[in-house]
Amino acid sequence: MRTLVALVLGCALASVVVGAQNPSDAKRGQELWMTYTCYGCHGYSGNGGNGPKLAQGGRFNNATALTNYVRNPPRANLMPSYSTKVLSDDQLAAIYAFLKSVPPSPPAKDIPLLSDFR
């Protein structure tokens, strides 16, 4: 029984340390993305808008980097700071999982409507 409890606790701790990495985390991250209107600046899929592209992880190598940026944006006049009272670290890890799950955009040459303008 102790071994089972230790295994369960170890797996739970590993998932927290590693961060959100399963499809349900990405889905929850997408829901949070929409709820907190991140799409207003970064697009519905995180591929940019008025704000920078964040899809596929964008400028962040991990969830911690995204969390640090969201907590202390370098240009607070363009992006509000989201404290832990607004978005928890776990929620930001889920948002990061969503951003990592977005497939890359196809090259412009592979989009028929865009190729008509060459």
PDB file of N, CA and C in Angstrom:
ATOM      1  N   MET A   1       0.827  -1.192   0.000  1.00  0.00           N
ATOM      2  CA  MET A   1       0.000   0.000   0.000  1.00  0.00           C
ATOM      3  C   MET A   1       0.873   1.258   0.000  1.00  0.00           C
ATOM      4  N   ARG A   2       1.923   1.267   0.826  1.00  0.00           N
ATOM      5  CA  ARG A   2       2.821   2.420   0.871  1.00  0.00           C
ATOM      6  C   ARG A   2       3.460   2.672  -0.486  1.00  0.00           C
ATOM      7  N   THR A   3       3.830   1.589  -1.164  1.00  0.00           N
ATOM      8  CA  THR A   3       4.457   1.718  -2.476  1.00  0.00           C
ATOM      9  C   THR A   3       3.486   2.365  -3.458  1.00  0.00           C
ATOM     10  N   LEU A   4       2.237   1.953  -3.422  1.00  0.00           N
ATOM     11  CA  LEU A   4       1.225   2.525  -4.300  1.00  0.00           C
ATOM     12  C   LEU A   4       1.021   4.006  -4.010  1.00  0.00           C
ATOM     13  N   VAL A   5       0.930   4.370  -2.749  1.00  0.00           N
ATOM     14  CA  VAL A   5       0.762   5.771  -2.359  1.00  0.00           C
ATOM     15  C   VAL A   5       1.973   6.583  -2.822  1.00  0.00           C
ATOM     16  N   ALA A   6       3.171   6.055  -2.612  1.00  0.00           N
ATOM     17  CA  ALA A   6       4.389   6.753  -3.030  1.00  0.00           C
ATOM     18  C   ALA A   6       4.410   6.919  -4.551  1.00  0.00           C
ATOM     19  N   LEU A   7       3.986   5.899  -5.271  1.00  0.00           N
ATOM     20  CA  LEU A   7       3.957   5.974  -6.732  1.00  0.00           C
ATOM     21  C   LEU A   7       2.965   7.030  -7.208  1.00  0.00           C
ATOM     22  N   VAL A   8       1.788   7.045  -6.617  1.00  0.00           N
ATOM     23  CA  VAL A   8       0.767   8.030  -6.985  1.00  0.00           C
ATOM     24  C   VAL A   8       1.254   9.443  -6.679  1.00  0.00           C
ATOM     25  N   LEU A   9       1.815   9.638  -5.481  1.00  0.00           N
ATOM     26  CA  LEU A   9       2.326  10.958  -5.115  1.00  0.00           C
ATOM     27  C   LEU A   9       3.490  11.367  -6.009  1.00  0.00           C
ATOM     28  N   GLY A  10       4.342  10.430  -6.348  1.00  0.00           N
ATOM     29  CA  GLY A  10       5.465  10.720  -7.238  1.00  0.00           C
ATOM     30  C   GLY A  10       4.992  11.146  -8.613  1.00  0.00           C
ATOM     31  N   CYS A  11       3.990  10.461  -9.151  1.00  0.00           N
ATOM     32  CA  CYS A  11       3.439  10.831 -10.462  1.00  0.00           C
ATOM     33  C   CYS A  11       2.778  12.200 -10.402  1.00  0.00           C
ATOM     34  N   ALA A  12       2.051  12.469  -9.335  1.00  0.00           N
ATOM     35  CA  ALA A  12       1.403  13.769  -9.187  1.00  0.00           C
ATOM     36  C   ALA A  12       2.439  14.877  -9.117  1.00  0.00           C
ATOM     37  N   LEU A  13       3.496  14.646  -8.356  1.00  0.00           N
ATOM     38  CA  LEU A  13       4.558  15.644  -8.248  1.00  0.00           C
ATOM     39  C   LEU A  13       5.256  15.831  -9.591  1.00  0.00           C
ATOM     40  N   ALA A  14       5.505  14.756 -10.298  1.00  0.00           N
ATOM     41  CA  ALA A  14       6.158  14.867 -11.608  1.00  0.00           C
ATOM     42  C   ALA A  14       5.310  15.667 -12.575  1.00  0.00           C
ATOM     43  N   SER A  15       3.996  15.492 -12.547  1.00  0.00           N
ATOM     44  CA  SER A  15       3.142  16.251 -13.463  1.00  0.00           C
ATOM     45  C   SER A  15       3.147  17.737 -13.133  1.00  0.00           C
ATOM     46  N   VAL A  16       3.297  18.078 -11.855  1.00  0.00           N
ATOM     47  CA  VAL A  16       3.377  19.486 -11.473  1.00  0.00           C
ATOM     48  C   VAL A  16       4.708  20.070 -11.910  1.00  0.00           C
ATOM     49  N   VAL A  17       5.795  19.319 -11.688  1.00  0.00           N
ATOM     50  CA  VAL A  17       7.121  19.807 -12.030  1.00  0.00           C
ATOM     51  C   VAL A  17       7.270  19.949 -13.544  1.00  0.00           C
ATOM     52  N   VAL A  18       6.827  18.949 -14.284  1.00  0.00           N
ATOM     53  CA  VAL A  18       6.964  18.980 -15.732  1.00  0.00           C
ATOM     54  C   VAL A  18       6.013  19.993 -16.338  1.00  0.00           C
ATOM     55  N   GLY A  19       4.850  20.181 -15.746  1.00  0.00           N
ATOM     56  CA  GLY A  19       3.875  21.127 -16.273  1.00  0.00           C
ATOM     57  C   GLY A  19       2.815  20.426 -17.085  1.00  0.00           C
ATOM     58  N   ALA A  20       1.894  21.226 -17.592  1.00  0.00           N
ATOM     59  CA  ALA A  20       0.765  20.699 -18.339  1.00  0.00           C
ATOM     60  C   ALA A  20       1.249  20.130 -19.665  1.00  0.00           C
ATOM     61  N   GLN A  21       1.051  18.812 -19.878  1.00  0.00           N
ATOM     62  CA  GLN A  21       1.535  18.219 -21.110  1.00  0.00           C
ATOM     63  C   GLN A  21       0.574  17.220 -21.722  1.00  0.00           C
ATOM     64  N   ASN A  22      -0.638  17.114 -21.252  1.00  0.00           N
ATOM     65  CA  ASN A  22      -1.529  16.160 -21.883  1.00  0.00           C
ATOM     66  C   ASN A  22      -2.663  16.901 -22.591  1.00  0.00           C
ATOM     67  N   PRO A  23      -3.375  16.211 -23.469  1.00  0.00           N
ATOM     68  CA  PRO A  23      -4.420  16.880 -24.259  1.00  0.00           C
ATOM     69  C   PRO A  23      -5.495  17.574 -23.427  1.00  0.00           C
ATOM     70  N   SER A  24      -5.834  17.021 -22.266  1.00  0.00           N
ATOM     71  CA  SER A  24      -6.857  17.680 -21.451  1.00  0.00           C
ATOM     72  C   SER A  24      -6.335  19.011 -20.902  1.00  0.00           C
ATOM     73  N   ASP A  25      -5.022  19.098 -20.641  1.00  0.00           N
ATOM     74  CA  ASP A  25      -4.438  20.366 -20.209  1.00  0.00           C
ATOM     75  C   ASP A  25      -4.513  21.388 -21.337  1.00  0.00           C
ATOM     76  N   ALA A  26      -4.237  20.950 -22.563  1.00  0.00           N
ATOM     77  CA  ALA A  26      -4.309  21.859 -23.717  1.00  0.00           C
ATOM     78  C   ALA A  26      -5.744  22.346 -23.918  1.00  0.00           C
ATOM     79  N   LYS A  27      -6.708  21.459 -23.753  1.00  0.00           N
ATOM     80  CA  LYS A  27      -8.113  21.859 -23.901  1.00  0.00           C
ATOM     81  C   LYS A  27      -8.499  22.866 -22.818  1.00  0.00           C
ATOM     82  N   ARG A  28      -8.095  22.579 -21.601  1.00  0.00           N
ATOM     83  CA  ARG A  28      -8.372  23.508 -20.497  1.00  0.00           C
ATOM     84  C   ARG A  28      -7.659  24.836 -20.747  1.00  0.00           C
ATOM     85  N   GLY A  29      -6.449  24.774 -21.269  1.00  0.00           N
ATOM     86  CA  GLY A  29      -5.709  25.986 -21.596  1.00  0.00           C
ATOM     87  C   GLY A  29      -6.410  26.814 -22.652  1.00  0.00           C
ATOM     88  N   GLN A  30      -6.990  26.140 -23.642  1.00  0.00           N
ATOM     89  CA  GLN A  30      -7.740  26.851 -24.677  1.00  0.00           C
ATOM     90  C   GLN A  30      -8.972  27.527 -24.080  1.00  0.00           C
ATOM     91  N   GLU A  31      -9.643  26.844 -23.170  1.00  0.00           N
ATOM     92  CA  GLU A  31     -10.801  27.445 -22.498  1.00  0.00           C
ATOM     93  C   GLU A  31     -10.384  28.679 -21.697  1.00  0.00           C
ATOM     94  N   LEU A  32      -9.262  28.582 -20.999  1.00  0.00           N
ATOM     95  CA  LEU A  32      -8.759  29.731 -20.243  1.00  0.00           C
ATOM     96  C   LEU A  32      -8.345  30.861 -21.182  1.00  0.00           C
ATOM     97  N   TRP A  33      -7.737  30.512 -22.294  1.00  0.00           N
ATOM     98  CA  TRP A  33      -7.328  31.486 -23.322  1.00  0.00           C
ATOM     99  C   TRP A  33      -8.538  32.319 -23.760  1.00  0.00           C
ATOM    100  N   MET A  34      -9.645  31.630 -23.965  1.00  0.00           N
ATOM    101  CA  MET A  34     -10.866  32.319 -24.396  1.00  0.00           C
ATOM    102  C   MET A  34     -11.495  33.091 -23.235  1.00  0.00           C
ATOM    103  N   THR A  35     -11.534  32.503 -22.054  1.00  0.00           N
ATOM    104  CA  THR A  35     -12.151  33.141 -20.889  1.00  0.00           C
ATOM    105  C   THR A  35     -11.458  34.444 -20.527  1.00  0.00           C
ATOM    106  N   TYR A  36     -10.136  34.433 -20.553  1.00  0.00           N
ATOM    107  CA  TYR A  36      -9.374  35.621 -20.161  1.00  0.00           C
ATOM    108  C   TYR A  36      -9.050  36.527 -21.356  1.00  0.00           C
ATOM    109  N   THR A  37      -9.706  36.272 -22.476  1.00  0.00           N
ATOM    110  CA  THR A  37      -9.617  37.054 -23.723  1.00  0.00           C
ATOM    111  C   THR A  37      -8.191  37.294 -24.214  1.00  0.00           C
ATOM    112  N   CYS A  38      -7.344  36.310 -24.052  1.00  0.00           N
ATOM    113  CA  CYS A  38      -5.980  36.400 -24.590  1.00  0.00           C
ATOM    114  C   CYS A  38      -6.035  36.555 -26.111  1.00  0.00           C
ATOM    115  N   TYR A  39      -7.081  35.978 -26.713  1.00  0.00           N
ATOM    116  CA  TYR A  39      -7.248  36.041 -28.167  1.00  0.00           C
ATOM    117  C   TYR A  39      -7.401  37.464 -28.672  1.00  0.00           C
ATOM    118  N   GLY A  40      -7.822  38.386 -27.801  1.00  0.00           N
ATOM    119  CA  GLY A  40      -8.029  39.765 -28.225  1.00  0.00           C
ATOM    120  C   GLY A  40      -6.776  40.388 -28.802  1.00  0.00           C
ATOM    121  N   CYS A  41      -5.621  40.005 -28.292  1.00  0.00           N
ATOM    122  CA  CYS A  41      -4.345  40.539 -28.791  1.00  0.00           C
ATOM    123  C   CYS A  41      -3.508  39.497 -29.517  1.00  0.00           C
ATOM    124  N   HIS A  42      -3.637  38.240 -29.108  1.00  0.00           N
ATOM    125  CA  HIS A  42      -2.748  37.210 -29.642  1.00  0.00           C
ATOM    126  C   HIS A  42      -3.434  36.274 -30.633  1.00  0.00           C
ATOM    127  N   GLY A  43      -4.668  36.561 -31.021  1.00  0.00           N
ATOM    128  CA  GLY A  43      -5.385  35.722 -31.977  1.00  0.00           C
ATOM    129  C   GLY A  43      -6.014  34.506 -31.314  1.00  0.00           C
ATOM    130  N   TYR A  44      -6.993  33.931 -31.992  1.00  0.00           N
ATOM    131  CA  TYR A  44      -7.726  32.796 -31.431  1.00  0.00           C
ATOM    132  C   TYR A  44      -6.846  31.572 -31.229  1.00  0.00           C
ATOM    133  N   SER A  45      -5.828  31.425 -32.062  1.00  0.00           N
ATOM    134  CA  SER A  45      -4.950  30.264 -31.920  1.00  0.00           C
ATOM    135  C   SER A  45      -3.558  30.652 -31.439  1.00  0.00           C
ATOM    136  N   GLY A  46      -3.387  31.891 -31.008  1.00  0.00           N
ATOM    137  CA  GLY A  46      -2.089  32.324 -30.507  1.00  0.00           C
ATOM    138  C   GLY A  46      -1.095  32.665 -31.602  1.00  0.00           C
ATOM    139  N   ASN A  47      -1.575  32.765 -32.837  1.00  0.00           N
ATOM    140  CA  ASN A  47      -0.689  33.056 -33.959  1.00  0.00           C
ATOM    141  C   ASN A  47      -0.507  34.537 -34.217  1.00  0.00           C
ATOM    142  N   GLY A  48      -0.911  35.352 -33.272  1.00  0.00           N
ATOM    143  CA  GLY A  48      -0.642  36.786 -33.371  1.00  0.00           C
ATOM    144  C   GLY A  48      -1.844  37.592 -33.793  1.00  0.00           C
ATOM    145  N   GLY A  49      -1.745  38.835 -33.554  1.00  0.00           N
ATOM    146  CA  GLY A  49      -2.735  39.843 -33.857  1.00  0.00           C
ATOM    147  C   GLY A  49      -2.021  41.141 -33.564  1.00  0.00           C
ATOM    148  N   ASN A  50      -2.589  41.949 -32.694  1.00  0.00           N
ATOM    149  CA  ASN A  50      -1.871  43.135 -32.230  1.00  0.00           C
ATOM    150  C   ASN A  50      -0.705  42.748 -31.325  1.00  0.00           C
ATOM    151  N   GLY A  51      -0.859  41.649 -30.618  1.00  0.00           N
ATOM    152  CA  GLY A  51       0.197  41.147 -29.746  1.00  0.00           C
ATOM    153  C   GLY A  51       1.050  40.127 -30.482  1.00  0.00           C
ATOM    154  N   PRO A  52       2.162  39.726 -29.896  1.00  0.00           N
ATOM    155  CA  PRO A  52       3.060  38.787 -30.571  1.00  0.00           C
ATOM    156  C   PRO A  52       2.490  37.382 -30.692  1.00  0.00           C
ATOM    157  N   LYS A  53       3.026  36.659 -31.646  1.00  0.00           N
ATOM    158  CA  LYS A  53       2.679  35.255 -31.848  1.00  0.00           C
ATOM    159  C   LYS A  53       3.186  34.446 -30.659  1.00  0.00           C
ATOM    160  N   LEU A  54       2.326  33.611 -30.103  1.00  0.00           N
ATOM    161  CA  LEU A  54       2.706  32.782 -28.966  1.00  0.00           C
ATOM    162  C   LEU A  54       2.507  31.291 -29.243  1.00  0.00           C
ATOM    163  N   ALA A  55       1.851  30.942 -30.353  1.00  0.00           N
ATOM    164  CA  ALA A  55       1.586  29.541 -30.669  1.00  0.00           C
ATOM    165  C   ALA A  55       2.887  28.773 -30.823  1.00  0.00           C
ATOM    166  N   GLN A  56       2.790  27.462 -30.654  1.00  0.00           N
ATOM    167  CA  GLN A  56       3.927  26.550 -30.655  1.00  0.00           C
ATOM    168  C   GLN A  56       4.946  26.964 -29.594  1.00  0.00           C
ATOM    169  N   GLY A  57       4.482  27.666 -28.569  1.00  0.00           N
ATOM    170  CA  GLY A  57       5.367  28.108 -27.501  1.00  0.00           C
ATOM    171  C   GLY A  57       5.946  29.477 -27.785  1.00  0.00           C
ATOM    172  N   GLY A  58       5.883  29.910 -29.059  1.00  0.00           N
ATOM    173  CA  GLY A  58       6.345  31.238 -29.441  1.00  0.00           C
ATOM    174  C   GLY A  58       7.677  31.611 -28.847  1.00  0.00           C
ATOM    175  N   ARG A  59       7.698  32.698 -28.126  1.00  0.00           N
ATOM    176  CA  ARG A  59       8.947  33.203 -27.556  1.00  0.00           C
ATOM    177  C   ARG A  59       9.304  32.570 -26.227  1.00  0.00           C
ATOM    178  N   PHE A  60       8.507  31.607 -25.754  1.00  0.00           N
ATOM    179  CA  PHE A  60       8.742  31.021 -24.437  1.00  0.00           C
ATOM    180  C   PHE A  60       9.146  29.557 -24.564  1.00  0.00           C
ATOM    181  N   ASN A  61      10.235  29.193 -23.893  1.00  0.00           N
ATOM    182  CA  ASN A  61      10.736  27.817 -23.947  1.00  0.00           C
ATOM    183  C   ASN A  61       9.999  26.869 -23.015  1.00  0.00           C
ATOM    184  N   ASN A  62       9.308  27.442 -22.025  1.00  0.00           N
ATOM    185  CA  ASN A  62       8.601  26.591 -21.061  1.00  0.00           C
ATOM    186  C   ASN A  62       7.509  27.401 -20.369  1.00  0.00           C
ATOM    187  N   ALA A  63       6.700  26.707 -19.580  1.00  0.00           N
ATOM    188  CA  ALA A  63       5.580  27.362 -18.894  1.00  0.00           C
ATOM    189  C   ALA A  63       6.061  28.394 -17.880  1.00  0.00           C
ATOM    190  N   THR A  64       7.227  28.165 -17.290  1.00  0.00           N
ATOM    191  CA  THR A  64       7.757  29.119 -16.315  1.00  0.00           C
ATOM    192  C   THR A  64       8.070  30.459 -16.990  1.00  0.00           C
ATOM    193  N   ALA A  65       8.634  30.414 -18.181  1.00  0.00           N
ATOM    194  CA  ALA A  65       8.950  31.649 -18.908  1.00  0.00           C
ATOM    195  C   ALA A  65       7.667  32.415 -19.243  1.00  0.00           C
ATOM    196  N   LEU A  66       6.628  31.687 -19.672  1.00  0.00           N
ATOM    197  CA  LEU A  66       5.342  32.331 -19.954  1.00  0.00           C
ATOM    198  C   LEU A  66       4.774  32.945 -18.674  1.00  0.00           C
ATOM    199  N   THR A  67       4.829  32.205 -17.591  1.00  0.00           N
ATOM    200  CA  THR A  67       4.312  32.691 -16.311  1.00  0.00           C
ATOM    201  C   THR A  67       5.031  33.962 -15.879  1.00  0.00           C
ATOM    202  N   ASN A  68       6.352  33.972 -15.974  1.00  0.00           N
ATOM    203  CA  ASN A  68       7.116  35.166 -15.599  1.00  0.00           C
ATOM    204  C   ASN A  68       6.722  36.365 -16.449  1.00  0.00           C
ATOM    205  N   TYR A  69       6.526  36.147 -17.725  1.00  0.00           N
ATOM    206  CA  TYR A  69       6.148  37.231 -18.636  1.00  0.00           C
ATOM    207  C   TYR A  69       4.757  37.774 -18.293  1.00  0.00           C
ATOM    208  N   VAL A  70       3.816  36.866 -18.047  1.00  0.00           N
ATOM    209  CA  VAL A  70       2.444  37.267 -17.752  1.00  0.00           C
ATOM    210  C   VAL A  70       2.366  37.993 -16.406  1.00  0.00           C
ATOM    211  N   ARG A  71       3.181  37.569 -15.460  1.00  0.00           N
ATOM    212  CA  ARG A  71       3.193  38.221 -14.146  1.00  0.00           C
ATOM    213  C   ARG A  71       3.849  39.607 -14.202  1.00  0.00           C
ATOM    214  N   ASN A  72       4.832  39.771 -15.067  1.00  0.00           N
ATOM    215  CA  ASN A  72       5.595  41.029 -15.159  1.00  0.00           C
ATOM    216  C   ASN A  72       5.841  41.412 -16.610  1.00  0.00           C
ATOM    217  N   PRO A  73       4.801  41.793 -17.340  1.00  0.00           N
ATOM    218  CA  PRO A  73       5.025  42.148 -18.748  1.00  0.00           C
ATOM    219  C   PRO A  73       5.962  43.354 -18.858  1.00  0.00           C
ATOM    220  N   PRO A  74       6.887  43.321 -19.802  1.00  0.00           N
ATOM    221  CA  PRO A  74       7.856  44.415 -19.903  1.00  0.00           C
ATOM    222  C   PRO A  74       7.226  45.748 -20.312  1.00  0.00           C
ATOM    223  N   ARG A  75       6.110  45.689 -20.984  1.00  0.00           N
ATOM    224  CA  ARG A  75       5.425  46.921 -21.398  1.00  0.00           C
ATOM    225  C   ARG A  75       3.997  46.879 -20.863  1.00  0.00           C
ATOM    226  N   ALA A  76       3.876  47.211 -19.586  1.00  0.00           N
ATOM    227  CA  ALA A  76       2.594  47.107 -18.879  1.00  0.00           C
ATOM    228  C   ALA A  76       1.516  47.996 -19.483  1.00  0.00           C
ATOM    229  N   ASN A  77       1.898  48.990 -20.260  1.00  0.00           N
ATOM    230  CA  ASN A  77       0.894  49.826 -20.911  1.00  0.00           C
ATOM    231  C   ASN A  77       0.239  49.088 -22.083  1.00  0.00           C
ATOM    232  N   LEU A  78       0.858  47.979 -22.538  1.00  0.00           N
ATOM    233  CA  LEU A  78       0.289  47.209 -23.639  1.00  0.00           C
ATOM    234  C   LEU A  78      -0.362  45.907 -23.191  1.00  0.00           C
ATOM    235  N   MET A  79       0.085  45.376 -22.057  1.00  0.00           N
ATOM    236  CA  MET A  79      -0.477  44.124 -21.545  1.00  0.00           C
ATOM    237  C   MET A  79      -0.592  44.222 -20.036  1.00  0.00           C
ATOM    238  N   PRO A  80      -1.767  43.889 -19.516  1.00  0.00           N
ATOM    239  CA  PRO A  80      -1.904  43.938 -18.051  1.00  0.00           C
ATOM    240  C   PRO A  80      -1.131  42.805 -17.392  1.00  0.00           C
ATOM    241  N   SER A  81      -0.770  42.993 -16.154  1.00  0.00           N
ATOM    242  CA  SER A  81      -0.124  41.958 -15.365  1.00  0.00           C
ATOM    243  C   SER A  81      -1.220  41.069 -14.783  1.00  0.00           C
ATOM    244  N   TYR A  82      -1.016  39.762 -14.843  1.00  0.00           N
ATOM    245  CA  TYR A  82      -1.980  38.817 -14.284  1.00  0.00           C
ATOM    246  C   TYR A  82      -1.360  38.171 -13.049  1.00  0.00           C
ATOM    247  N   SER A  83      -1.822  38.574 -11.875  1.00  0.00           N
ATOM    248  CA  SER A  83      -1.288  38.030 -10.620  1.00  0.00           C
ATOM    249  C   SER A  83      -1.837  36.621 -10.396  1.00  0.00           C
ATOM    250  N   THR A  84      -1.335  35.968  -9.359  1.00  0.00           N
ATOM    251  CA  THR A  84      -1.825  34.633  -9.005  1.00  0.00           C
ATOM    252  C   THR A  84      -3.285  34.675  -8.569  1.00  0.00           C
ATOM    253  N   LYS A  85      -3.777  35.855  -8.203  1.00  0.00           N
ATOM    254  CA  LYS A  85      -5.193  35.986  -7.846  1.00  0.00           C
ATOM    255  C   LYS A  85      -6.076  35.891  -9.080  1.00  0.00           C
ATOM    256  N   VAL A  86      -5.509  36.199 -10.233  1.00  0.00           N
ATOM    257  CA  VAL A  86      -6.270  36.153 -11.487  1.00  0.00           C
ATOM    258  C   VAL A  86      -6.051  34.816 -12.192  1.00  0.00           C
ATOM    259  N   LEU A  87      -4.797  34.459 -12.425  1.00  0.00           N
ATOM    260  CA  LEU A  87      -4.441  33.196 -13.082  1.00  0.00           C
ATOM    261  C   LEU A  87      -3.382  32.483 -12.247  1.00  0.00           C
ATOM    262  N   SER A  88      -3.668  31.255 -11.868  1.00  0.00           N
ATOM    263  CA  SER A  88      -2.698  30.482 -11.089  1.00  0.00           C
ATOM    264  C   SER A  88      -1.578  29.982 -12.003  1.00  0.00           C
ATOM    265  N   ASP A  89      -0.488  29.540 -11.404  1.00  0.00           N
ATOM    266  CA  ASP A  89       0.607  28.960 -12.180  1.00  0.00           C
ATOM    267  C   ASP A  89       0.120  27.734 -12.948  1.00  0.00           C
ATOM    268  N   ASP A  90      -0.756  26.949 -12.323  1.00  0.00           N
ATOM    269  CA  ASP A  90      -1.316  25.770 -12.982  1.00  0.00           C
ATOM    270  C   ASP A  90      -2.146  26.168 -14.204  1.00  0.00           C
ATOM    271  N   GLN A  91      -2.923  27.223 -14.093  1.00  0.00           N
ATOM    272  CA  GLN A  91      -3.717  27.691 -15.232  1.00  0.00           C
ATOM    273  C   GLN A  91      -2.800  28.181 -16.351  1.00  0.00           C
ATOM    274  N   LEU A  92      -1.738  28.886 -16.004  1.00  0.00           N
ATOM    275  CA  LEU A  92      -0.795  29.349 -17.023  1.00  0.00           C
ATOM    276  C   LEU A  92      -0.058  28.178 -17.669  1.00  0.00           C
ATOM    277  N   ALA A  93       0.209  27.125 -16.909  1.00  0.00           N
ATOM    278  CA  ALA A  93       0.812  25.919 -17.489  1.00  0.00           C
ATOM    279  C   ALA A  93      -0.148  25.293 -18.504  1.00  0.00           C
ATOM    280  N   ALA A  94      -1.434  25.309 -18.200  1.00  0.00           N
ATOM    281  CA  ALA A  94      -2.432  24.789 -19.144  1.00  0.00           C
ATOM    282  C   ALA A  94      -2.494  25.666 -20.395  1.00  0.00           C
ATOM    283  N   ILE A  95      -2.423  26.973 -20.234  1.00  0.00           N
ATOM    284  CA  ILE A  95      -2.400  27.872 -21.396  1.00  0.00           C
ATOM    285  C   ILE A  95      -1.164  27.595 -22.234  1.00  0.00           C
ATOM    286  N   TYR A  96      -0.026  27.371 -21.595  1.00  0.00           N
ATOM    287  CA  TYR A  96       1.194  27.037 -22.326  1.00  0.00           C
ATOM    288  C   TYR A  96       1.012  25.729 -23.096  1.00  0.00           C
ATOM    289  N   ALA A  97       0.366  24.739 -22.463  1.00  0.00           N
ATOM    290  CA  ALA A  97       0.100  23.466 -23.147  1.00  0.00           C
ATOM    291  C   ALA A  97      -0.774  23.703 -24.378  1.00  0.00           C
ATOM    292  N   PHE A  98      -1.770  24.580 -24.262  1.00  0.00           N
ATOM    293  CA  PHE A  98      -2.600  24.920 -25.417  1.00  0.00           C
ATOM    294  C   PHE A  98      -1.748  25.538 -26.526  1.00  0.00           C
ATOM    295  N   LEU A  99      -0.913  26.496 -26.169  1.00  0.00           N
ATOM    296  CA  LEU A  99      -0.079  27.168 -27.165  1.00  0.00           C
ATOM    297  C   LEU A  99       0.860  26.188 -27.862  1.00  0.00           C
ATOM    298  N   LYS A 100       1.408  25.235 -27.113  1.00  0.00           N
ATOM    299  CA  LYS A 100       2.288  24.216 -27.690  1.00  0.00           C
ATOM    300  C   LYS A 100       1.524  23.252 -28.585  1.00  0.00           C
ATOM    301  N   SER A 101       0.218  23.102 -28.349  1.00  0.00           N
ATOM    302  CA  SER A 101      -0.581  22.136 -29.113  1.00  0.00           C
ATOM    303  C   SER A 101      -1.069  22.687 -30.454  1.00  0.00           C
ATOM    304  N   VAL A 102      -0.972  23.982 -30.646  1.00  0.00           N
ATOM    305  CA  VAL A 102      -1.452  24.595 -31.888  1.00  0.00           C
ATOM    306  C   VAL A 102      -0.517  24.179 -33.018  1.00  0.00           C
ATOM    307  N   PRO A 103      -1.070  23.588 -34.089  1.00  0.00           N
ATOM    308  CA  PRO A 103      -0.194  23.191 -35.194  1.00  0.00           C
ATOM    309  C   PRO A 103       0.396  24.411 -35.889  1.00  0.00           C
ATOM    310  N   PRO A 104       1.577  24.254 -36.480  1.00  0.00           N
ATOM    311  CA  PRO A 104       2.189  25.385 -37.182  1.00  0.00           C
ATOM    312  C   PRO A 104       1.310  25.857 -38.343  1.00  0.00           C
ATOM    313  N   SER A 105       1.381  27.120 -38.631  1.00  0.00           N
ATOM    314  CA  SER A 105       0.656  27.669 -39.774  1.00  0.00           C
ATOM    315  C   SER A 105       1.313  27.169 -41.049  1.00  0.00           C
ATOM    316  N   PRO A 106       0.509  26.893 -42.088  1.00  0.00           N
ATOM    317  CA  PRO A 106       1.121  26.452 -43.342  1.00  0.00           C
ATOM    318  C   PRO A 106       1.847  27.617 -44.016  1.00  0.00           C
ATOM    319  N   PRO A 107       2.842  27.312 -44.836  1.00  0.00           N
ATOM    320  CA  PRO A 107       3.507  28.386 -45.580  1.00  0.00           C
ATOM    321  C   PRO A 107       2.513  29.074 -46.515  1.00  0.00           C
ATOM    322  N   ALA A 108       2.718  30.348 -46.766  1.00  0.00           N
ATOM    323  CA  ALA A 108       1.799  31.118 -47.621  1.00  0.00           C
ATOM    324  C   ALA A 108       1.621  30.460 -48.976  1.00  0.00           C
ATOM    325  N   LYS A 109       2.677  29.853 -49.518  1.00  0.00           N
ATOM    326  CA  LYS A 109       2.593  29.231 -50.848  1.00  0.00           C
ATOM    327  C   LYS A 109       1.616  28.059 -50.883  1.00  0.00           C
ATOM    328  N   ASP A 110       1.307  27.495 -49.703  1.00  0.00           N
ATOM    329  CA  ASP A 110       0.386  26.362 -49.621  1.00  0.00           C
ATOM    330  C   ASP A 110      -1.056  26.777 -49.352  1.00  0.00           C
ATOM    331  N   ILE A 111      -1.325  28.067 -49.298  1.00  0.00           N
ATOM    332  CA  ILE A 111      -2.685  28.562 -49.073  1.00  0.00           C
ATOM    333  C   ILE A 111      -3.199  29.082 -50.411  1.00  0.00           C
ATOM    334  N   PRO A 112      -4.171  28.369 -51.023  1.00  0.00           N
ATOM    335  CA  PRO A 112      -4.622  28.725 -52.379  1.00  0.00           C
ATOM    336  C   PRO A 112      -5.007  30.194 -52.549  1.00  0.00           C
ATOM    337  N   LEU A 113      -5.736  30.750 -51.625  1.00  0.00           N
ATOM    338  CA  LEU A 113      -6.165  32.140 -51.755  1.00  0.00           C
ATOM    339  C   LEU A 113      -4.978  33.099 -51.821  1.00  0.00           C
ATOM    340  N   LEU A 114      -3.948  32.811 -51.062  1.00  0.00           N
ATOM    341  CA  LEU A 114      -2.755  33.665 -51.090  1.00  0.00           C
ATOM    342  C   LEU A 114      -1.926  33.466 -52.345  1.00  0.00           C
ATOM    343  N   SER A 115      -1.917  32.258 -52.885  1.00  0.00           N
ATOM    344  CA  SER A 115      -1.124  32.014 -54.094  1.00  0.00           C
ATOM    345  C   SER A 115      -1.727  32.696 -55.315  1.00  0.00           C
ATOM    346  N   ASP A 116      -3.000  33.075 -55.250  1.00  0.00           N
ATOM    347  CA  ASP A 116      -3.652  33.774 -56.369  1.00  0.00           C
ATOM    348  C   ASP A 116      -3.104  35.178 -56.554  1.00  0.00           C
ATOM    349  N   PHE A 117      -2.428  35.728 -55.568  1.00  0.00           N
ATOM    350  CA  PHE A 117      -1.959  37.097 -55.616  1.00  0.00           C
ATOM    351  C   PHE A 117      -0.509  37.239 -56.046  1.00  0.00           C
ATOM    352  N   ARG A 118       0.107  36.176 -56.470  1.00  0.00           N
ATOM    353  CA  ARG A 118       1.510  36.260 -56.895  1.00  0.00           C
ATOM    354  C   ARG A 118       1.645  36.774 -58.273  1.00  0.00           C
TER     355      ARG A 118
END
